[in-house]
Amino acid sequence: MGIREELMRRSIPFVPLFAICAAIAVAQPVVNQGGIVNAASYGLDSLPNAGIAQGSIFTVFGARLGPATLQTAGAFPLSTTLGGTSIRVTAGGTTTDAIMLYTSAGQVAAILPSKMPVGAGTLTLTYNAKASSPMTIHVVRSNFGVFARSMAGSGPAVVQNYVSQASMPFNSPIQAAQPGQVMVLWGTGLGPVNVDETNPPGAVDPGTDLEVWVGNQKVAIQYKGRSPNYAGEDQINFQLPQNVPQGCYVPVAMKAGGVMSNFTSIAIAPQGGICSDPHGIQASDLQRIASGQSLKLAWIQLLRENFTLGVPGAVVATGKVDMAWGDFFRWDAGTVGQSAALNSVGGVALGSCAVVTGGDNFFGSLVLRSGSRLNVGPALTLRGPNGTKSLPLDKSGLYEKNAMGYAVTPAIFGTPKGPPFLDPGAYTVDNGAGGPDAGGFHASLTIPNAPAPLSWTNLDSIQTIDRSQDLTVTWTGGDPTSEYVLIGGSVSMPTMNTAMTIFGCAERADAGRFVIPSWVLSTQPINSTDPTASSFGVGRVPLLGGARFSGNGLDAGYFAYGEMTLKNVTYK
């Protein structure tokens, strides 16, 4: 099944899909709390890009929503009933039926008619004459979401490199665009239109103000509006500037009607074709994928976080915590275009920023691996100057050991979990005899005793962050030959389905400063009532040229160390 056919059927990390059997087929449908989302972005409740736009495609997650086997609308005109499923929305004193696109037991998609008034309302889903309980829905004029090839709202965008009307290949790290090229991007939520939405809409512009950002550059828009042949779907044509940032994961985001979309990425290379990043897998590996081979890859990360957390004037804790994880996976020509960077937030093109949001399984949404995960044994063994730690294989397919050691003053988190582990010295990692997908391997790195010091020079002045203003971060030091600087922040919103958003900006170590644009900061929720739920940090992350290893059954692996300095801040 191709990208166009898969475009509408997606899943989100925090909501599982449910099976349905004949014994419960007549039971009441259940719509998940927080399970009504933009079909492209999956903007969660409590985040700035929540809400369903007039005329947009939205997705409903739950149980017993429709038939066990997926049914899709096969032809125009579209109908308000499909496979026994219908959706009724009430807002602003108006009640109308949504236009159905597909239905299944756990996931349904429909178009919210453009005539629906904005404001708070309710949604009721009916399947086989059984109605769900009314669920809250918030209708907005525009809330643009970019479709992602991961079908998870993040990672590479569903975007095409325009060569000619007869040649528009989908963008990927092995089919990168080149500076100056026109791109065709797909999404939903640009705004209402005055057409018959049960039929192809034609080329119609909703009139919503739109800005397109690639890297940290605003780019020229050639067309914005409905995709002529696809109801509810929007098409944005824009041209890359000649000086656009280059890399395999250059962020792309839209600002429609003053609200930022989700962030996705595109690949850009000087002549198109195979892209490259100094902090990503090598171009030679991507060339092998382009030639039809599949690659078994490994990403093993050690991370130390130095932090000052708490509320000024109250309890403030300082300390450090050490973590490690490993991810093993197979990429081929199909899956490489759906997967995020090795370091999913910090792996963006240098000089730019990315944003990722997620729910209960937030770490999983950061990893965003497409393709098959590999089982390389029951655990990894990490050895260093302070002894040995085991990184066991967890149910998600990752090998991880969070909080392998920490020191906090005062001891507000209870009994310390041993001393910090990641002190300077030599480290090795291995998987013993291996597992079903790879034999035994061994990798090593050294955390230097006296690395080039990286000093965050305006740390003390960043406490309350105005999301409507650019923010400048400055530092000195760092080693530009072996590392880059990662700047980022996060906010956690404890709602019914915990929402969290994190942004990361990457820059060369010798740049000494980075300006975070206000449109990036605007993606963070306001958290003035609970400053302990947010953080901001600056750190050092390695370029990967010296971190590569290969092993028994692994085509390429990367074993890397990073260090972050974090503090609580308030976003207003």
Protein backbone atom coordinates (compact mmCIF):
# COMPACT_ATOMS: atom_id res chain seq x y z
CA MET A 1 0.00 0.00 0.00
CA GLY A 2 1.43 3.41 -1.02
CA ILE A 3 1.77 6.64 0.92
CA ARG A 4 -1.38 8.14 -0.58
CA GLU A 5 -3.43 5.12 0.50
CA GLU A 6 -1.87 5.11 3.97
CA LEU A 7 -2.20 8.86 4.45
CA MET A 8 -5.46 8.70 6.33
CA ARG A 9 -5.02 5.61 8.49
CA ARG A 10 -2.71 6.36 11.41
CA SER A 11 -2.20 5.73 15.09
CA ILE A 12 -0.98 7.80 18.03
CA PRO A 13 1.37 6.52 20.73
CA PHE A 14 -0.85 7.03 23.75
CA VAL A 15 -3.98 5.30 22.38
CA PRO A 16 -3.93 1.59 21.42
CA LEU A 17 -6.09 0.18 18.67
CA PHE A 18 -8.73 -2.24 19.90
CA ALA A 19 -10.04 -5.47 18.43
CA ILE A 20 -13.73 -6.17 18.44
CA CYS A 21 -15.54 -9.50 18.42
CA ALA A 22 -19.07 -10.58 17.65
CA ALA A 23 -19.87 -11.12 21.32
CA ILE A 24 -19.59 -7.39 22.07
CA ALA A 25 -20.55 -6.00 18.67
CA VAL A 26 -23.77 -4.51 20.04
CA ALA A 27 -22.11 -2.78 23.02
CA GLN A 28 -21.92 1.01 23.26
CA PRO A 29 -19.05 2.65 21.36
CA VAL A 30 -16.43 4.28 23.57
CA VAL A 31 -14.51 7.39 22.46
CA ASN A 32 -11.22 7.74 24.35
CA GLN A 33 -10.70 10.76 26.55
CA GLY A 34 -8.48 13.06 24.48
CA GLY A 35 -9.01 10.77 21.48
CA ILE A 36 -10.44 13.37 19.06
CA VAL A 37 -7.47 14.90 17.23
CA ASN A 38 -6.32 16.53 14.00
CA ALA A 39 -5.66 13.62 11.63
CA ALA A 40 -2.17 14.87 10.75
CA SER A 41 -0.70 16.55 13.84
CA TYR A 42 -2.43 14.70 16.70
CA GLY A 43 -2.40 17.95 18.68
CA LEU A 44 -3.18 16.88 22.25
CA ASP A 45 -5.46 18.59 24.74
CA SER A 46 -3.69 21.35 26.73
CA LEU A 47 -1.21 22.06 23.93
CA PRO A 48 -1.34 25.24 21.81
CA ASN A 49 -2.25 23.35 18.63
CA ALA A 50 -5.24 21.51 20.10
CA GLY A 51 -8.66 21.84 18.49
CA ILE A 52 -10.37 20.65 15.31
CA ALA A 53 -10.48 23.14 12.44
CA GLN A 54 -13.53 23.83 10.33
CA GLY A 55 -13.30 21.79 7.13
CA SER A 56 -10.44 19.61 8.41
CA ILE A 57 -9.95 15.87 8.69
CA PHE A 58 -10.04 14.60 12.26
CA THR A 59 -9.47 11.18 13.78
CA VAL A 60 -11.39 9.52 16.61
CA PHE A 61 -9.79 6.78 18.73
CA GLY A 62 -11.61 4.40 21.00
CA ALA A 63 -13.32 1.00 21.11
CA ARG A 64 -16.25 -0.49 19.21
CA LEU A 65 -16.36 2.52 16.89
CA GLY A 66 -16.97 0.52 13.74
CA PRO A 67 -16.50 -2.85 12.04
CA ALA A 68 -13.61 -5.16 12.81
CA THR A 69 -12.32 -4.82 9.24
CA LEU A 70 -11.37 -1.36 8.01
CA GLN A 71 -13.85 0.17 5.58
CA THR A 72 -13.00 3.26 3.53
CA ALA A 73 -15.10 5.61 1.46
CA GLY A 74 -14.66 4.20 -2.01
CA ALA A 75 -15.98 6.96 -4.26
CA PHE A 76 -17.45 10.46 -4.40
CA PRO A 77 -19.80 11.77 -3.25
CA LEU A 78 -18.79 10.98 0.33
CA SER A 79 -21.48 10.11 2.85
CA THR A 80 -22.19 10.86 6.50
CA THR A 81 -22.56 7.12 7.20
CA LEU A 82 -19.98 4.43 6.48
CA GLY A 83 -19.95 0.80 7.58
CA GLY A 84 -22.62 1.50 10.18
CA THR A 85 -20.64 4.42 11.71
CA SER A 86 -21.73 8.06 11.84
CA ILE A 87 -20.58 11.08 13.83
CA ARG A 88 -22.71 14.00 14.98
CA VAL A 89 -21.16 17.26 16.23
CA THR A 90 -22.92 20.09 18.07
CA ALA A 91 -21.36 23.53 18.65
CA GLY A 92 -22.62 27.11 18.72
CA GLY A 93 -26.23 26.00 18.54
CA THR A 94 -25.63 24.03 15.34
CA THR A 95 -25.75 20.25 14.95
CA THR A 96 -24.35 18.56 11.86
CA ASP A 97 -23.07 15.18 10.70
CA ALA A 98 -19.40 14.69 9.89
CA ILE A 99 -18.43 13.36 6.44
CA MET A 100 -17.01 9.86 6.82
CA LEU A 101 -13.66 8.81 5.30
CA TYR A 102 -12.94 5.46 6.98
CA THR A 103 -14.12 3.42 9.93
CA SER A 104 -12.81 0.53 12.01
CA ALA A 105 -13.22 -0.81 15.52
CA GLY A 106 -10.62 1.42 17.12
CA GLN A 107 -10.08 4.29 14.71
CA VAL A 108 -12.37 6.46 12.60
CA ALA A 109 -11.68 9.48 10.37
CA ALA A 110 -14.07 12.13 9.07
CA ILE A 111 -14.26 15.70 7.77
CA LEU A 112 -15.72 18.33 10.08
CA PRO A 113 -17.98 20.41 7.80
CA SER A 114 -16.80 23.98 7.25
CA LYS A 115 -20.20 25.35 8.32
CA MET A 116 -19.64 24.17 11.91
CA PRO A 117 -19.41 27.23 14.23
CA VAL A 118 -16.24 27.73 16.25
CA GLY A 119 -16.29 27.15 19.99
CA ALA A 120 -16.77 24.38 22.52
CA GLY A 121 -19.11 21.56 21.55
CA THR A 122 -19.78 17.86 21.79
CA LEU A 123 -19.24 14.84 19.55
CA THR A 124 -21.30 11.66 19.58
CA LEU A 125 -20.32 8.60 17.55
CA THR A 126 -22.93 6.00 16.59
CA TYR A 127 -22.21 2.48 15.41
CA ASN A 128 -24.95 0.02 14.53
CA ALA A 129 -27.54 2.28 16.20
CA LYS A 130 -25.59 2.41 19.49
CA ALA A 131 -24.38 5.89 20.49
CA SER A 132 -21.31 6.79 22.50
CA SER A 133 -21.42 9.18 25.41
CA PRO A 134 -21.04 12.81 24.23
CA MET A 135 -17.39 13.88 24.23
CA THR A 136 -16.01 17.41 24.32
CA ILE A 137 -14.71 18.87 21.06
CA HIS A 138 -13.31 22.35 20.49
CA VAL A 139 -13.91 23.76 17.00
CA VAL A 140 -11.47 26.41 15.73
CA ARG A 141 -11.20 28.26 12.43
CA SER A 142 -7.77 26.90 11.54
CA ASN A 143 -5.30 24.45 13.07
CA PHE A 144 -2.99 23.16 10.39
CA GLY A 145 -1.40 19.74 10.77
CA VAL A 146 1.34 18.36 8.52
CA PHE A 147 1.01 14.70 7.60
CA ALA A 148 4.09 12.71 8.65
CA ARG A 149 5.29 9.55 6.94
CA SER A 150 5.65 7.93 10.37
CA MET A 151 1.88 8.30 10.76
CA ALA A 152 2.58 9.65 14.26
CA GLY A 153 2.58 13.43 13.77
CA SER A 154 6.40 13.76 13.85
CA GLY A 155 9.37 12.78 11.73
CA PRO A 156 9.72 13.20 7.95
CA ALA A 157 6.84 15.04 6.30
CA VAL A 158 4.61 13.74 3.53
CA VAL A 159 6.16 16.12 0.99
CA GLN A 160 7.17 15.74 -2.65
CA ASN A 161 10.13 17.14 -4.58
CA TYR A 162 8.65 18.86 -7.64
CA VAL A 163 10.70 18.03 -10.73
CA SER A 164 7.87 18.19 -13.27
CA GLN A 165 4.18 17.34 -13.44
CA ALA A 166 5.22 13.80 -14.33
CA SER A 167 7.95 13.52 -11.67
CA MET A 168 7.27 14.35 -8.03
CA PRO A 169 9.11 11.77 -5.88
CA PHE A 170 8.43 11.71 -2.17
CA ASN A 171 11.21 13.35 -0.19
CA SER A 172 13.44 11.14 1.97
CA PRO A 173 17.10 10.94 3.04
CA ILE A 174 17.81 8.93 -0.13
CA GLN A 175 15.70 11.25 -2.31
CA ALA A 176 16.59 14.66 -0.91
CA ALA A 177 15.51 17.98 -2.38
CA GLN A 178 18.01 20.61 -3.48
CA PRO A 179 18.13 24.34 -2.72
CA GLY A 180 15.78 26.30 -4.97
CA GLN A 181 13.46 23.35 -5.56
CA VAL A 182 9.68 23.60 -5.27
CA MET A 183 8.09 21.31 -2.66
CA VAL A 184 4.52 20.01 -2.44
CA LEU A 185 3.45 19.34 1.15
CA TRP A 186 0.24 17.71 2.43
CA GLY A 187 -1.77 18.46 5.57
CA THR A 188 -5.20 19.37 6.90
CA GLY A 189 -6.75 22.17 8.93
CA LEU A 190 -5.99 25.29 6.89
CA GLY A 191 -9.54 26.59 7.34
CA PRO A 192 -13.14 26.50 6.10
CA VAL A 193 -14.17 26.60 2.44
CA ASN A 194 -17.47 27.34 0.73
CA VAL A 195 -17.73 24.22 -1.46
CA ASP A 196 -19.52 20.87 -1.41
CA GLU A 197 -17.20 18.90 0.87
CA THR A 198 -18.61 15.53 -0.15
CA ASN A 199 -16.93 15.96 -3.54
CA PRO A 200 -13.42 16.93 -4.71
CA PRO A 201 -13.05 20.59 -3.68
CA GLY A 202 -10.98 21.95 -6.53
CA ALA A 203 -8.20 24.47 -5.91
CA VAL A 204 -9.69 26.78 -3.30
CA ASP A 205 -7.83 28.99 -0.80
CA PRO A 206 -9.50 29.30 2.64
CA GLY A 207 -7.88 32.73 3.01
CA THR A 208 -6.01 31.88 6.20
CA ASP A 209 -2.74 33.71 6.87
CA LEU A 210 0.07 31.18 6.47
CA GLU A 211 3.80 31.21 7.09
CA VAL A 212 6.10 28.33 6.13
CA TRP A 213 9.38 27.77 7.95
CA VAL A 214 12.14 25.46 6.71
CA GLY A 215 14.99 25.27 9.17
CA ASN A 216 14.73 28.69 10.77
CA GLN A 217 14.01 30.42 7.46
CA LYS A 218 10.68 31.72 6.22
CA VAL A 219 10.13 30.54 2.65
CA ALA A 220 8.04 31.71 -0.31
CA ILE A 221 4.60 30.13 -0.74
CA GLN A 222 3.37 29.41 -4.27
CA TYR A 223 0.00 27.85 -3.38
CA LYS A 224 -1.97 27.24 -0.19
CA GLY A 225 -5.39 25.67 -0.16
CA ARG A 226 -7.36 22.52 -0.71
CA SER A 227 -5.79 19.76 -2.70
CA PRO A 228 -8.03 19.79 -5.78
CA ASN A 229 -8.76 16.05 -5.77
CA TYR A 230 -8.89 15.18 -2.06
CA ALA A 231 -11.72 16.33 0.20
CA GLY A 232 -10.58 17.87 3.50
CA GLU A 233 -6.92 17.73 2.56
CA ASP A 234 -4.71 20.80 2.09
CA GLN A 235 -1.76 21.28 -0.23
CA ILE A 236 1.06 23.77 0.33
CA ASN A 237 3.50 24.47 -2.51
CA PHE A 238 6.62 26.40 -1.51
CA GLN A 239 10.08 27.05 -2.86
CA LEU A 240 13.28 26.37 -0.95
CA PRO A 241 15.70 29.33 -0.88
CA GLN A 242 19.21 28.87 -2.22
CA ASN A 243 20.70 29.35 1.26
CA VAL A 244 18.32 26.92 3.00
CA PRO A 245 19.88 24.75 5.75
CA GLN A 246 20.92 21.34 4.49
CA GLY A 247 20.79 17.92 6.07
CA CYS A 248 18.68 14.79 6.36
CA TYR A 249 16.24 16.23 8.91
CA VAL A 250 15.70 19.92 8.22
CA PRO A 251 12.62 20.96 10.26
CA VAL A 252 9.52 22.21 8.47
CA ALA A 253 6.56 23.83 10.22
CA MET A 254 3.62 26.06 9.37
CA LYS A 255 2.00 28.96 11.20
CA ALA A 256 -1.65 29.17 10.15
CA GLY A 257 -3.93 31.78 11.63
CA GLY A 258 -1.32 32.51 14.31
CA VAL A 259 -1.07 28.88 15.50
CA MET A 260 1.97 26.68 14.89
CA SER A 261 1.51 23.28 13.30
CA ASN A 262 3.30 20.13 14.33
CA PHE A 263 6.96 19.97 13.27
CA THR A 264 8.09 17.51 10.63
CA SER A 265 11.25 17.40 8.53
CA ILE A 266 12.54 17.23 4.96
CA ALA A 267 15.89 16.13 3.54
CA ILE A 268 17.94 18.67 1.57
CA ALA A 269 21.29 18.12 -0.18
CA PRO A 270 23.37 20.34 -2.50
CA GLN A 271 22.41 18.38 -5.63
CA GLY A 272 19.50 16.40 -4.20
CA GLY A 273 19.74 12.62 -3.93
CA ILE A 274 21.61 11.31 -0.87
CA CYS A 275 21.75 13.68 2.10
CA SER A 276 24.32 13.80 4.89
CA ASP A 277 24.63 15.12 8.44
CA PRO A 278 27.72 15.44 10.63
CA HIS A 279 25.59 14.14 13.52
CA GLY A 280 23.76 11.39 11.61
CA ILE A 281 24.45 8.13 9.83
CA GLN A 282 26.99 8.35 7.04
CA ALA A 283 26.04 9.08 3.45
CA SER A 284 27.70 5.82 2.40
CA ASP A 285 25.19 3.89 4.52
CA LEU A 286 22.30 5.78 2.96
CA GLN A 287 23.77 4.99 -0.48
CA ARG A 288 23.64 1.30 0.37
CA ILE A 289 19.98 1.67 1.32
CA ALA A 290 19.31 3.52 -1.95
CA SER A 291 20.87 0.62 -3.87
CA GLY A 292 18.29 -1.76 -2.42
CA GLN A 293 20.08 -3.14 0.62
CA SER A 294 18.70 -3.13 4.14
CA LEU A 295 20.90 -2.09 7.05
CA LYS A 296 21.00 -3.26 10.65
CA LEU A 297 21.77 -0.15 12.71
CA ALA A 298 22.54 0.59 16.36
CA TRP A 299 22.25 3.81 18.38
CA ILE A 300 23.64 3.67 21.94
CA GLN A 301 23.50 6.89 23.97
CA LEU A 302 25.01 7.81 27.34
CA LEU A 303 23.69 11.03 28.89
CA ARG A 304 24.48 13.03 32.02
CA GLU A 305 22.06 15.74 33.14
CA ASN A 306 23.31 18.41 35.54
CA PHE A 307 20.32 20.20 36.97
CA THR A 308 18.98 22.94 39.20
CA LEU A 309 15.31 22.18 39.74
CA GLY A 310 12.71 23.69 42.00
CA VAL A 311 10.97 26.95 42.67
CA PRO A 312 13.14 30.00 43.45
CA GLY A 313 12.47 31.08 47.02
CA ALA A 314 11.34 27.57 47.95
CA VAL A 315 13.08 24.18 47.76
CA VAL A 316 15.73 24.11 45.04
CA ALA A 317 17.58 20.87 44.33
CA THR A 318 20.87 20.62 42.51
CA GLY A 319 22.58 17.50 41.29
CA LYS A 320 23.19 15.17 38.41
CA VAL A 321 21.55 12.06 36.97
CA ASP A 322 23.00 9.54 34.52
CA MET A 323 21.04 7.59 31.87
CA ALA A 324 21.76 5.21 29.01
CA TRP A 325 19.77 3.51 26.28
CA GLY A 326 20.25 1.54 23.10
CA ASP A 327 18.09 1.20 20.00
CA PHE A 328 18.65 -1.45 17.34
CA PHE A 329 16.64 -1.45 14.13
CA ARG A 330 16.57 -2.30 10.43
CA TRP A 331 16.21 0.39 7.77
CA ASP A 332 15.51 -0.09 4.09
CA ALA A 333 14.45 2.22 1.24
CA GLY A 334 10.90 2.36 2.56
CA THR A 335 11.46 2.76 6.28
CA VAL A 336 14.33 5.25 6.10
CA GLY A 337 11.88 7.82 4.74
CA GLN A 338 9.51 7.30 7.67
CA SER A 339 12.00 7.45 10.54
CA ALA A 340 13.29 10.31 12.63
CA ALA A 341 16.96 11.12 13.13
CA LEU A 342 19.11 8.95 15.37
CA ASN A 343 18.91 11.66 18.03
CA SER A 344 15.29 12.58 17.33
CA VAL A 345 15.30 16.11 18.79
CA GLY A 346 19.00 16.97 18.68
CA GLY A 347 19.47 15.36 15.27
CA VAL A 348 17.89 18.24 13.36
CA ALA A 349 19.93 20.25 10.88
CA LEU A 350 22.48 22.52 12.54
CA GLY A 351 21.15 26.03 12.95
CA SER A 352 17.51 24.97 13.32
CA CYS A 353 14.92 23.74 15.84
CA ALA A 354 12.43 20.87 16.07
CA VAL A 355 9.43 20.25 18.32
CA VAL A 356 7.99 16.89 19.39
CA THR A 357 4.83 16.34 21.42
CA GLY A 358 3.50 13.16 22.95
CA GLY A 359 1.28 11.54 25.51
CA ASP A 360 1.83 8.73 27.97
CA ASN A 361 4.50 7.04 25.83
CA PHE A 362 6.48 10.21 25.28
CA PHE A 363 9.89 8.57 25.04
CA GLY A 364 8.53 6.29 22.32
CA SER A 365 7.32 9.32 20.39
CA LEU A 366 10.81 10.81 20.56
CA VAL A 367 12.43 7.70 19.12
CA LEU A 368 10.01 7.36 16.17
CA ARG A 369 11.69 4.38 14.58
CA SER A 370 10.05 2.90 11.53
CA GLY A 371 11.03 -0.55 10.42
CA SER A 372 11.69 -3.57 12.56
CA ARG A 373 13.42 -3.37 15.90
CA LEU A 374 16.19 -5.89 16.44
CA ASN A 375 16.67 -8.28 19.33
CA VAL A 376 20.42 -8.42 19.96
CA GLY A 377 20.17 -10.27 23.25
CA PRO A 378 18.47 -9.96 26.66
CA ALA A 379 20.61 -7.02 27.81
CA LEU A 380 23.55 -4.76 27.04
CA THR A 381 26.43 -4.60 29.52
CA LEU A 382 27.97 -1.18 30.11
CA ARG A 383 31.36 -1.04 31.84
CA GLY A 384 33.19 2.05 33.05
CA PRO A 385 35.43 3.43 35.79
CA ASN A 386 32.60 3.08 38.35
CA GLY A 387 31.75 -0.55 37.61
CA THR A 388 29.17 -2.35 35.49
CA LYS A 389 25.54 -1.62 34.63
CA SER A 390 23.00 -3.72 32.76
CA LEU A 391 20.70 -2.18 30.15
CA PRO A 392 17.86 -4.71 29.84
CA LEU A 393 15.61 -5.13 26.82
CA ASP A 394 12.21 -3.60 27.64
CA LYS A 395 8.80 -4.30 26.19
CA SER A 396 9.09 -1.44 23.68
CA GLY A 397 12.18 -2.99 22.10
CA LEU A 398 14.64 -0.51 23.63
CA TYR A 399 17.58 -1.33 25.87
CA GLU A 400 17.58 1.20 28.68
CA LYS A 401 18.72 2.13 32.15
CA ASN A 402 17.29 5.41 33.34
CA ALA A 403 18.69 6.91 36.54
CA MET A 404 21.59 4.45 36.74
CA GLY A 405 23.03 6.78 39.33
CA TYR A 406 22.34 10.22 40.70
CA ALA A 407 23.30 12.68 43.40
CA VAL A 408 20.86 15.33 44.62
CA THR A 409 21.16 18.04 47.28
CA PRO A 410 19.01 18.21 49.35
CA ALA A 411 17.85 14.59 49.17
CA ILE A 412 14.27 15.49 48.23
CA PHE A 413 13.85 12.38 46.08
CA GLY A 414 14.49 9.95 48.92
CA THR A 415 17.46 7.62 49.19
CA PRO A 416 20.12 8.37 46.55
CA LYS A 417 20.42 5.64 43.92
CA GLY A 418 24.13 5.23 44.25
CA PRO A 419 26.75 7.71 43.09
CA PRO A 420 26.75 9.10 39.55
CA PHE A 421 28.08 6.56 37.05
CA LEU A 422 29.22 8.49 33.98
CA ASP A 423 32.45 10.01 35.26
CA PRO A 424 35.45 10.63 32.95
CA GLY A 425 37.19 7.51 31.74
CA ALA A 426 36.99 4.59 29.31
CA TYR A 427 33.66 2.85 28.63
CA THR A 428 32.71 -0.29 26.77
CA VAL A 429 29.36 -1.78 25.83
CA ASP A 430 28.62 -5.29 24.59
CA ASN A 431 25.72 -7.67 24.16
CA GLY A 432 27.43 -10.86 25.29
CA ALA A 433 26.73 -13.76 22.96
CA GLY A 434 24.14 -11.71 21.07
CA GLY A 435 20.57 -12.49 20.14
CA PRO A 436 18.45 -13.72 17.23
CA ASP A 437 19.08 -10.60 15.10
CA ALA A 438 22.80 -9.98 15.71
CA GLY A 439 25.76 -11.75 17.20
CA GLY A 440 28.06 -10.41 19.89
CA PHE A 441 29.55 -6.95 19.39
CA HIS A 442 31.81 -4.66 21.40
CA ALA A 443 32.07 -0.86 21.27
CA SER A 444 34.06 1.68 23.26
CA LEU A 445 34.33 5.40 23.94
CA THR A 446 36.18 7.71 26.30
CA ILE A 447 34.70 10.54 28.34
CA PRO A 448 37.73 12.85 28.58
CA ASN A 449 39.08 13.98 31.93
CA ALA A 450 39.33 17.59 30.78
CA PRO A 451 37.05 18.23 27.81
CA ALA A 452 36.98 21.67 26.26
CA PRO A 453 34.76 23.44 28.81
CA LEU A 454 31.31 24.48 27.63
CA SER A 455 29.96 27.33 29.74
CA TRP A 456 26.34 28.51 29.41
CA THR A 457 27.09 32.19 29.94
CA ASN A 458 23.54 33.59 30.30
CA LEU A 459 22.12 30.75 32.40
CA ASP A 460 21.18 32.96 35.34
CA SER A 461 19.29 35.50 33.20
CA ILE A 462 16.91 32.93 31.69
CA GLN A 463 14.12 32.31 34.19
CA THR A 464 10.83 33.53 32.72
CA ILE A 465 10.54 32.95 28.97
CA ASP A 466 8.17 35.15 26.98
CA ARG A 467 6.87 32.87 24.22
CA SER A 468 6.08 35.88 22.01
CA GLN A 469 9.71 37.04 21.91
CA ASP A 470 12.88 35.55 20.42
CA LEU A 471 15.28 34.19 23.04
CA THR A 472 19.06 34.44 22.71
CA VAL A 473 21.25 31.77 24.36
CA THR A 474 25.00 32.30 24.68
CA TRP A 475 27.90 30.04 25.59
CA THR A 476 31.66 29.79 25.42
CA GLY A 477 33.93 26.82 24.79
CA GLY A 478 33.09 23.41 23.43
CA ASP A 479 35.05 21.44 20.86
CA PRO A 480 33.81 22.25 17.32
CA THR A 481 35.78 19.34 15.85
CA SER A 482 33.92 16.67 17.80
CA GLU A 483 30.67 18.08 19.18
CA TYR A 484 27.80 20.50 18.68
CA VAL A 485 25.53 22.36 21.10
CA LEU A 486 21.97 21.27 21.87
CA ILE A 487 19.54 23.82 23.33
CA GLY A 488 16.09 22.78 24.37
CA GLY A 489 13.16 22.91 26.73
CA SER A 490 10.07 20.99 27.73
CA VAL A 491 6.70 21.38 29.44
CA SER A 492 4.64 18.57 30.92
CA MET A 493 0.88 19.09 31.26
CA PRO A 494 -0.75 16.49 33.57
CA THR A 495 -4.15 16.14 31.91
CA MET A 496 -6.31 13.04 31.55
CA ASN A 497 -3.78 11.86 28.94
CA THR A 498 -0.54 13.47 30.04
CA ALA A 499 0.64 15.87 27.34
CA MET A 500 4.27 16.85 26.99
CA THR A 501 6.11 18.94 24.46
CA ILE A 502 9.83 19.35 23.96
CA PHE A 503 11.85 21.49 21.57
CA GLY A 504 15.47 21.10 20.60
CA CYS A 505 17.77 23.41 18.63
CA ALA A 506 21.16 22.35 17.26
CA GLU A 507 24.08 24.67 16.55
CA ARG A 508 27.81 24.52 15.88
CA ALA A 509 29.87 24.69 19.07
CA ASP A 510 31.97 27.60 17.80
CA ALA A 511 28.89 29.75 17.00
CA GLY A 512 28.76 30.95 20.63
CA ARG A 513 25.10 31.98 20.45
CA PHE A 514 21.74 30.90 19.11
CA VAL A 515 18.47 32.79 18.77
CA ILE A 516 15.39 30.63 19.39
CA PRO A 517 12.57 32.11 17.29
CA SER A 518 9.34 33.09 19.02
CA TRP A 519 7.38 30.82 16.69
CA VAL A 520 9.28 27.85 18.15
CA LEU A 521 8.74 29.00 21.74
CA SER A 522 5.03 29.50 21.04
CA THR A 523 4.63 25.72 20.80
CA GLN A 524 5.24 25.42 24.55
CA PRO A 525 2.17 25.59 26.82
CA ILE A 526 1.93 28.38 29.38
CA ASN A 527 2.96 26.91 32.73
CA SER A 528 3.01 29.86 35.13
CA THR A 529 1.00 27.92 37.73
CA ASP A 530 3.52 25.07 37.96
CA PRO A 531 7.08 26.05 37.05
CA THR A 532 8.39 22.67 38.25
CA ALA A 533 6.69 21.04 35.24
CA SER A 534 9.02 22.73 32.76
CA SER A 535 12.72 22.87 32.03
CA PHE A 536 15.27 24.54 29.79
CA GLY A 537 18.78 23.37 29.04
CA VAL A 538 22.02 23.69 27.09
CA GLY A 539 24.42 20.84 26.45
CA ARG A 540 27.12 19.23 24.38
CA VAL A 541 26.36 16.36 21.98
CA PRO A 542 28.95 14.55 19.84
CA LEU A 543 29.33 14.67 16.11
CA LEU A 544 29.20 11.03 15.08
CA GLY A 545 32.23 10.61 12.87
CA GLY A 546 34.29 9.20 15.74
CA ALA A 547 31.41 7.34 17.38
CA ARG A 548 30.86 4.71 14.68
CA PHE A 549 31.40 1.00 15.22
CA SER A 550 30.37 -2.21 13.48
CA GLY A 551 29.72 -5.61 14.93
CA ASN A 552 28.76 -9.19 14.38
CA GLY A 553 25.61 -8.82 12.27
CA LEU A 554 25.38 -5.03 12.63
CA ASP A 555 26.12 -2.93 9.55
CA ALA A 556 26.70 0.30 11.46
CA GLY A 557 26.45 1.47 15.04
CA TYR A 558 26.99 4.68 16.98
CA PHE A 559 28.09 4.83 20.64
CA ALA A 560 27.90 8.41 21.92
CA TYR A 561 28.01 10.51 25.07
CA GLY A 562 26.26 13.80 25.79
CA GLU A 563 25.90 16.17 28.72
CA MET A 564 23.14 18.67 29.47
CA THR A 565 22.71 21.47 32.03
CA LEU A 566 19.03 21.91 32.97
CA LYS A 567 17.01 24.33 35.07
CA ASN A 568 13.36 25.08 35.76
CA VAL A 569 11.86 28.01 33.87
CA THR A 570 8.42 29.53 33.41
CA TYR A 571 6.86 29.91 29.96
CA LYS A 572 4.40 32.78 29.72
